[in-house]
Amino acid sequence: MTAAALEKAWPGSGSFVSLAVTARDGNGAWGGRVVRVEVRFTGATRSLTGDQFRSWFGLRSDWFRLQS
């Protein structure tokens, strides 16, 4: 996933700043399934459920971790 893909998903939000998993369900590896994701741009912050993020970006599951 690239900054350009995130900026394309939310036009008008500004330049991509950061992406963070802010909540997990607490079950299993990495703290469990992603419950909440926060995407920050220079002009806005978008908060999504893990399932919304998974669906928007074609991930197979809401059990993922971010890597740099």
PDB file of N, CA and C in Angstrom:
ATOM      1  N   MET A   1       0.843  -1.161   0.000  1.00  0.00           N
ATOM      2  CA  MET A   1       0.000   0.000   0.000  1.00  0.00           C
ATOM      3  C   MET A   1       0.895   1.233   0.000  1.00  0.00           C
ATOM      4  N   THR A   2       0.524   2.196  -0.797  1.00  0.00           N
ATOM      5  CA  THR A   2       1.336   3.397  -0.925  1.00  0.00           C
ATOM      6  C   THR A   2       0.578   4.626  -0.423  1.00  0.00           C
ATOM      7  N   ALA A   3       1.337   5.693  -0.181  1.00  0.00           N
ATOM      8  CA  ALA A   3       0.718   6.965   0.197  1.00  0.00           C
ATOM      9  C   ALA A   3      -0.223   7.428  -0.912  1.00  0.00           C
ATOM     10  N   ALA A   4       0.177   7.206  -2.159  1.00  0.00           N
ATOM     11  CA  ALA A   4      -0.657   7.615  -3.297  1.00  0.00           C
ATOM     12  C   ALA A   4      -1.999   6.886  -3.287  1.00  0.00           C
ATOM     13  N   ALA A   5      -2.007   5.613  -2.936  1.00  0.00           N
ATOM     14  CA  ALA A   5      -3.262   4.841  -2.885  1.00  0.00           C
ATOM     15  C   ALA A   5      -4.176   5.384  -1.800  1.00  0.00           C
ATOM     16  N   LEU A   6      -3.612   5.740  -0.658  1.00  0.00           N
ATOM     17  CA  LEU A   6      -4.412   6.312   0.431  1.00  0.00           C
ATOM     18  C   LEU A   6      -4.951   7.688   0.047  1.00  0.00           C
ATOM     19  N   GLU A   7      -4.133   8.510  -0.591  1.00  0.00           N
ATOM     20  CA  GLU A   7      -4.575   9.839  -1.018  1.00  0.00           C
ATOM     21  C   GLU A   7      -5.668   9.736  -2.078  1.00  0.00           C
ATOM     22  N   LYS A   8      -5.567   8.733  -2.950  1.00  0.00           N
ATOM     23  CA  LYS A   8      -6.587   8.527  -3.980  1.00  0.00           C
ATOM     24  C   LYS A   8      -7.911   8.087  -3.365  1.00  0.00           C
ATOM     25  N   ALA A   9      -7.842   7.308  -2.280  1.00  0.00           N
ATOM     26  CA  ALA A   9      -9.059   6.826  -1.619  1.00  0.00           C
ATOM     27  C   ALA A   9      -9.837   7.958  -0.963  1.00  0.00           C
ATOM     28  N   TRP A  10      -9.144   9.000  -0.525  1.00  0.00           N
ATOM     29  CA  TRP A  10      -9.780  10.147   0.126  1.00  0.00           C
ATOM     30  C   TRP A  10      -9.319  11.451  -0.510  1.00  0.00           C
ATOM     31  N   PRO A  11      -9.784  11.737  -1.717  1.00  0.00           N
ATOM     32  CA  PRO A  11      -9.376  12.967  -2.390  1.00  0.00           C
ATOM     33  C   PRO A  11      -9.812  14.194  -1.584  1.00  0.00           C
ATOM     34  N   GLY A  12      -8.980  15.202  -1.609  1.00  0.00           N
ATOM     35  CA  GLY A  12      -9.295  16.432  -0.898  1.00  0.00           C
ATOM     36  C   GLY A  12      -8.880  16.432   0.555  1.00  0.00           C
ATOM     37  N   SER A  13      -8.286  15.328   1.031  1.00  0.00           N
ATOM     38  CA  SER A  13      -7.865  15.237   2.431  1.00  0.00           C
ATOM     39  C   SER A  13      -6.457  15.770   2.644  1.00  0.00           C
ATOM     40  N   GLY A  14      -5.737  16.018   1.567  1.00  0.00           N
ATOM     41  CA  GLY A  14      -4.362  16.494   1.676  1.00  0.00           C
ATOM     42  C   GLY A  14      -3.375  15.372   1.477  1.00  0.00           C
ATOM     43  N   SER A  15      -2.137  15.637   1.846  1.00  0.00           N
ATOM     44  CA  SER A  15      -1.071  14.645   1.707  1.00  0.00           C
ATOM     45  C   SER A  15      -1.099  13.663   2.871  1.00  0.00           C
ATOM     46  N   PHE A  16      -0.769  12.415   2.580  1.00  0.00           N
ATOM     47  CA  PHE A  16      -0.720  11.377   3.597  1.00  0.00           C
ATOM     48  C   PHE A  16       0.348  11.707   4.631  1.00  0.00           C
ATOM     49  N   VAL A  17      -0.008  11.528   5.914  1.00  0.00           N
ATOM     50  CA  VAL A  17       0.930  11.760   7.020  1.00  0.00           C
ATOM     51  C   VAL A  17       1.256  10.457   7.740  1.00  0.00           C
ATOM     52  N   SER A  18       0.224   9.718   8.186  1.00  0.00           N
ATOM     53  CA  SER A  18       0.480   8.494   8.938  1.00  0.00           C
ATOM     54  C   SER A  18      -0.732   7.573   8.916  1.00  0.00           C
ATOM     55  N   LEU A  19      -0.446   6.321   9.256  1.00  0.00           N
ATOM     56  CA  LEU A  19      -1.476   5.289   9.346  1.00  0.00           C
ATOM     57  C   LEU A  19      -1.201   4.511  10.625  1.00  0.00           C
ATOM     58  N   ALA A  20      -2.226   4.323  11.445  1.00  0.00           N
ATOM     59  CA  ALA A  20      -2.026   3.625  12.710  1.00  0.00           C
ATOM     60  C   ALA A  20      -3.216   2.740  13.039  1.00  0.00           C
ATOM     61  N   VAL A  21      -2.914   1.564  13.568  1.00  0.00           N
ATOM     62  CA  VAL A  21      -3.950   0.708  14.136  1.00  0.00           C
ATOM     63  C   VAL A  21      -4.160   1.227  15.556  1.00  0.00           C
ATOM     64  N   THR A  22      -5.354   1.688  15.862  1.00  0.00           N
ATOM     65  CA  THR A  22      -5.613   2.293  17.169  1.00  0.00           C
ATOM     66  C   THR A  22      -6.359   1.370  18.125  1.00  0.00           C
ATOM     67  N   ALA A  23      -6.906   0.245  17.625  1.00  0.00           N
ATOM     68  CA  ALA A  23      -7.589  -0.701  18.510  1.00  0.00           C
ATOM     69  C   ALA A  23      -7.593  -2.090  17.880  1.00  0.00           C
ATOM     70  N   ARG A  24      -7.411  -3.090  18.745  1.00  0.00           N
ATOM     71  CA  ARG A  24      -7.491  -4.494  18.355  1.00  0.00           C
ATOM     72  C   ARG A  24      -8.410  -5.213  19.328  1.00  0.00           C
ATOM     73  N   ASP A  25      -8.880  -6.405  18.947  1.00  0.00           N
ATOM     74  CA  ASP A  25      -9.817  -7.115  19.818  1.00  0.00           C
ATOM     75  C   ASP A  25      -9.157  -7.890  20.956  1.00  0.00           C
ATOM     76  N   GLY A  26      -7.826  -8.009  20.951  1.00  0.00           N
ATOM     77  CA  GLY A  26      -7.116  -8.637  22.060  1.00  0.00           C
ATOM     78  C   GLY A  26      -6.980 -10.142  21.980  1.00  0.00           C
ATOM     79  N   ASN A  27      -7.426 -10.749  20.903  1.00  0.00           N
ATOM     80  CA  ASN A  27      -7.371 -12.212  20.766  1.00  0.00           C
ATOM     81  C   ASN A  27      -6.320 -12.622  19.747  1.00  0.00           C
ATOM     82  N   GLY A  28      -5.296 -13.338  20.169  1.00  0.00           N
ATOM     83  CA  GLY A  28      -4.326 -13.904  19.236  1.00  0.00           C
ATOM     84  C   GLY A  28      -3.110 -13.055  18.977  1.00  0.00           C
ATOM     85  N   ALA A  29      -2.396 -13.463  17.920  1.00  0.00           N
ATOM     86  CA  ALA A  29      -1.140 -12.822  17.536  1.00  0.00           C
ATOM     87  C   ALA A  29      -1.350 -11.336  17.227  1.00  0.00           C
ATOM     88  N   TRP A  30      -0.352 -10.543  17.517  1.00  0.00           N
ATOM     89  CA  TRP A  30      -0.322  -9.096  17.273  1.00  0.00           C
ATOM     90  C   TRP A  30      -1.401  -8.344  18.038  1.00  0.00           C
ATOM     91  N   GLY A  31      -2.049  -8.975  19.002  1.00  0.00           N
ATOM     92  CA  GLY A  31      -3.122  -8.333  19.748  1.00  0.00           C
ATOM     93  C   GLY A  31      -4.495  -8.576  19.167  1.00  0.00           C
ATOM     94  N   GLY A  32      -4.568  -9.396  18.117  1.00  0.00           N
ATOM     95  CA  GLY A  32      -5.852  -9.767  17.543  1.00  0.00           C
ATOM     96  C   GLY A  32      -6.232  -9.004  16.298  1.00  0.00           C
ATOM     97  N   ARG A  33      -7.475  -9.159  15.942  1.00  0.00           N
ATOM     98  CA  ARG A  33      -8.006  -8.504  14.742  1.00  0.00           C
ATOM     99  C   ARG A  33      -8.057  -6.991  14.931  1.00  0.00           C
ATOM    100  N   VAL A  34      -7.882  -6.285  13.826  1.00  0.00           N
ATOM    101  CA  VAL A  34      -7.922  -4.826  13.860  1.00  0.00           C
ATOM    102  C   VAL A  34      -9.373  -4.381  14.028  1.00  0.00           C
ATOM    103  N   VAL A  35      -9.606  -3.547  15.009  1.00  0.00           N
ATOM    104  CA  VAL A  35     -10.939  -3.009  15.268  1.00  0.00           C
ATOM    105  C   VAL A  35     -11.052  -1.587  14.710  1.00  0.00           C
ATOM    106  N   ARG A  36      -9.982  -0.806  14.817  1.00  0.00           N
ATOM    107  CA  ARG A  36     -10.027   0.599  14.391  1.00  0.00           C
ATOM    108  C   ARG A  36      -8.688   1.004  13.782  1.00  0.00           C
ATOM    109  N   VAL A  37      -8.747   1.753  12.677  1.00  0.00           N
ATOM    110  CA  VAL A  37      -7.578   2.280  11.982  1.00  0.00           C
ATOM    111  C   VAL A  37      -7.747   3.789  11.839  1.00  0.00           C
ATOM    112  N   GLU A  38      -6.667   4.529  12.017  1.00  0.00           N
ATOM    113  CA  GLU A  38      -6.690   5.980  11.827  1.00  0.00           C
ATOM    114  C   GLU A  38      -5.697   6.344  10.722  1.00  0.00           C
ATOM    115  N   VAL A  39      -6.207   7.051   9.713  1.00  0.00           N
ATOM    116  CA  VAL A  39      -5.384   7.502   8.598  1.00  0.00           C
ATOM    117  C   VAL A  39      -5.324   9.021   8.674  1.00  0.00           C
ATOM    118  N   ARG A  40      -4.116   9.558   8.819  1.00  0.00           N
ATOM    119  CA  ARG A  40      -3.946  11.008   8.942  1.00  0.00           C
ATOM    120  C   ARG A  40      -3.395  11.609   7.657  1.00  0.00           C
ATOM    121  N   PHE A  41      -3.994  12.730   7.297  1.00  0.00           N
ATOM    122  CA  PHE A  41      -3.561  13.515   6.148  1.00  0.00           C
ATOM    123  C   PHE A  41      -3.288  14.928   6.643  1.00  0.00           C
ATOM    124  N   THR A  42      -2.718  15.768   5.795  1.00  0.00           N
ATOM    125  CA  THR A  42      -2.451  17.143   6.214  1.00  0.00           C
ATOM    126  C   THR A  42      -3.735  17.928   6.455  1.00  0.00           C
ATOM    127  N   GLY A  43      -4.831  17.542   5.800  1.00  0.00           N
ATOM    128  CA  GLY A  43      -6.066  18.286   5.948  1.00  0.00           C
ATOM    129  C   GLY A  43      -7.200  17.567   6.638  1.00  0.00           C
ATOM    130  N   ALA A  44      -6.990  16.317   7.041  1.00  0.00           N
ATOM    131  CA  ALA A  44      -8.077  15.551   7.652  1.00  0.00           C
ATOM    132  C   ALA A  44      -7.531  14.287   8.305  1.00  0.00           C
ATOM    133  N   THR A  45      -8.323  13.730   9.202  1.00  0.00           N
ATOM    134  CA  THR A  45      -8.030  12.430   9.792  1.00  0.00           C
ATOM    135  C   THR A  45      -9.230  11.541   9.552  1.00  0.00           C
ATOM    136  N   ARG A  46      -8.994  10.361   9.025  1.00  0.00           N
ATOM    137  CA  ARG A  46     -10.073   9.410   8.736  1.00  0.00           C
ATOM    138  C   ARG A  46      -9.961   8.234   9.701  1.00  0.00           C
ATOM    139  N   SER A  47     -11.067   7.880  10.320  1.00  0.00           N
ATOM    140  CA  SER A  47     -11.120   6.756  11.236  1.00  0.00           C
ATOM    141  C   SER A  47     -12.040   5.707  10.640  1.00  0.00           C
ATOM    142  N   LEU A  48     -11.540   4.473  10.530  1.00  0.00           N
ATOM    143  CA  LEU A  48     -12.305   3.388   9.927  1.00  0.00           C
ATOM    144  C   LEU A  48     -12.267   2.169  10.827  1.00  0.00           C
ATOM    145  N   THR A  49     -13.245   1.307  10.662  1.00  0.00           N
ATOM    146  CA  THR A  49     -13.177   0.011  11.338  1.00  0.00           C
ATOM    147  C   THR A  49     -12.141  -0.829  10.588  1.00  0.00           C
ATOM    148  N   GLY A  50     -11.652  -1.857  11.243  1.00  0.00           N
ATOM    149  CA  GLY A  50     -10.717  -2.756  10.583  1.00  0.00           C
ATOM    150  C   GLY A  50     -11.338  -3.396   9.354  1.00  0.00           C
ATOM    151  N   ASP A  51     -12.622  -3.734   9.437  1.00  0.00           N
ATOM    152  CA  ASP A  51     -13.305  -4.353   8.306  1.00  0.00           C
ATOM    153  C   ASP A  51     -13.476  -3.371   7.142  1.00  0.00           C
ATOM    154  N   GLN A  52     -13.769  -2.108   7.431  1.00  0.00           N
ATOM    155  CA  GLN A  52     -13.868  -1.107   6.370  1.00  0.00           C
ATOM    156  C   GLN A  52     -12.521  -0.950   5.659  1.00  0.00           C
ATOM    157  N   PHE A  53     -11.442  -0.851   6.454  1.00  0.00           N
ATOM    158  CA  PHE A  53     -10.108  -0.702   5.875  1.00  0.00           C
ATOM    159  C   PHE A  53      -9.771  -1.922   5.023  1.00  0.00           C
ATOM    160  N   ARG A  54     -10.041  -3.116   5.539  1.00  0.00           N
ATOM    161  CA  ARG A  54      -9.791  -4.355   4.811  1.00  0.00           C
ATOM    162  C   ARG A  54     -10.528  -4.352   3.472  1.00  0.00           C
ATOM    163  N   SER A  55     -11.785  -3.988   3.506  1.00  0.00           N
ATOM    164  CA  SER A  55     -12.606  -3.987   2.312  1.00  0.00           C
ATOM    165  C   SER A  55     -12.125  -2.958   1.288  1.00  0.00           C
ATOM    166  N   TRP A  56     -11.835  -1.742   1.726  1.00  0.00           N
ATOM    167  CA  TRP A  56     -11.402  -0.667   0.833  1.00  0.00           C
ATOM    168  C   TRP A  56     -10.126  -1.019   0.088  1.00  0.00           C
ATOM    169  N   PHE A  57      -9.217  -1.731   0.764  1.00  0.00           N
ATOM    170  CA  PHE A  57      -7.910  -1.982   0.174  1.00  0.00           C
ATOM    171  C   PHE A  57      -7.691  -3.439  -0.232  1.00  0.00           C
ATOM    172  N   GLY A  58      -8.757  -4.231  -0.276  1.00  0.00           N
ATOM    173  CA  GLY A  58      -8.693  -5.570  -0.814  1.00  0.00           C
ATOM    174  C   GLY A  58      -7.917  -6.579   0.024  1.00  0.00           C
ATOM    175  N   LEU A  59      -7.823  -6.334   1.321  1.00  0.00           N
ATOM    176  CA  LEU A  59      -7.155  -7.298   2.189  1.00  0.00           C
ATOM    177  C   LEU A  59      -8.095  -8.470   2.438  1.00  0.00           C
ATOM    178  N   ARG A  60      -7.555  -9.656   2.660  1.00  0.00           N
ATOM    179  CA  ARG A  60      -8.390 -10.842   2.846  1.00  0.00           C
ATOM    180  C   ARG A  60      -8.962 -10.964   4.249  1.00  0.00           C
ATOM    181  N   SER A  61      -8.386 -10.231   5.198  1.00  0.00           N
ATOM    182  CA  SER A  61      -8.811 -10.372   6.586  1.00  0.00           C
ATOM    183  C   SER A  61      -8.580  -9.060   7.323  1.00  0.00           C
ATOM    184  N   ASP A  62      -9.250  -8.910   8.475  1.00  0.00           N
ATOM    185  CA  ASP A  62      -8.988  -7.755   9.328  1.00  0.00           C
ATOM    186  C   ASP A  62      -7.952  -8.104  10.405  1.00  0.00           C
ATOM    187  N   TRP A  63      -7.233  -9.187  10.179  1.00  0.00           N
ATOM    188  CA  TRP A  63      -6.148  -9.605  11.052  1.00  0.00           C
ATOM    189  C   TRP A  63      -4.846  -9.294  10.319  1.00  0.00           C
ATOM    190  N   PHE A  64      -4.345  -8.100  10.484  1.00  0.00           N
ATOM    191  CA  PHE A  64      -3.141  -7.662   9.784  1.00  0.00           C
ATOM    192  C   PHE A  64      -2.312  -6.767  10.702  1.00  0.00           C
ATOM    193  N   ARG A  65      -1.081  -6.535  10.294  1.00  0.00           N
ATOM    194  CA  ARG A  65      -0.221  -5.599  11.013  1.00  0.00           C
ATOM    195  C   ARG A  65       0.439  -4.699   9.987  1.00  0.00           C
ATOM    196  N   LEU A  66       0.820  -3.530  10.453  1.00  0.00           N
ATOM    197  CA  LEU A  66       1.459  -2.554   9.574  1.00  0.00           C
ATOM    198  C   LEU A  66       2.967  -2.738   9.632  1.00  0.00           C
ATOM    199  N   GLN A  67       3.605  -2.626   8.511  1.00  0.00           N
ATOM    200  CA  GLN A  67       5.055  -2.690   8.432  1.00  0.00           C
ATOM    201  C   GLN A  67       5.562  -1.461   7.711  1.00  0.00           C
ATOM    202  N   SER A  68       6.723  -0.997   8.104  1.00  0.00           N
ATOM    203  CA  SER A  68       7.278   0.181   7.422  1.00  0.00           C
ATOM    204  C   SER A  68       8.168  -0.239   6.281  1.00  0.00           C
TER     205      SER A  68
END
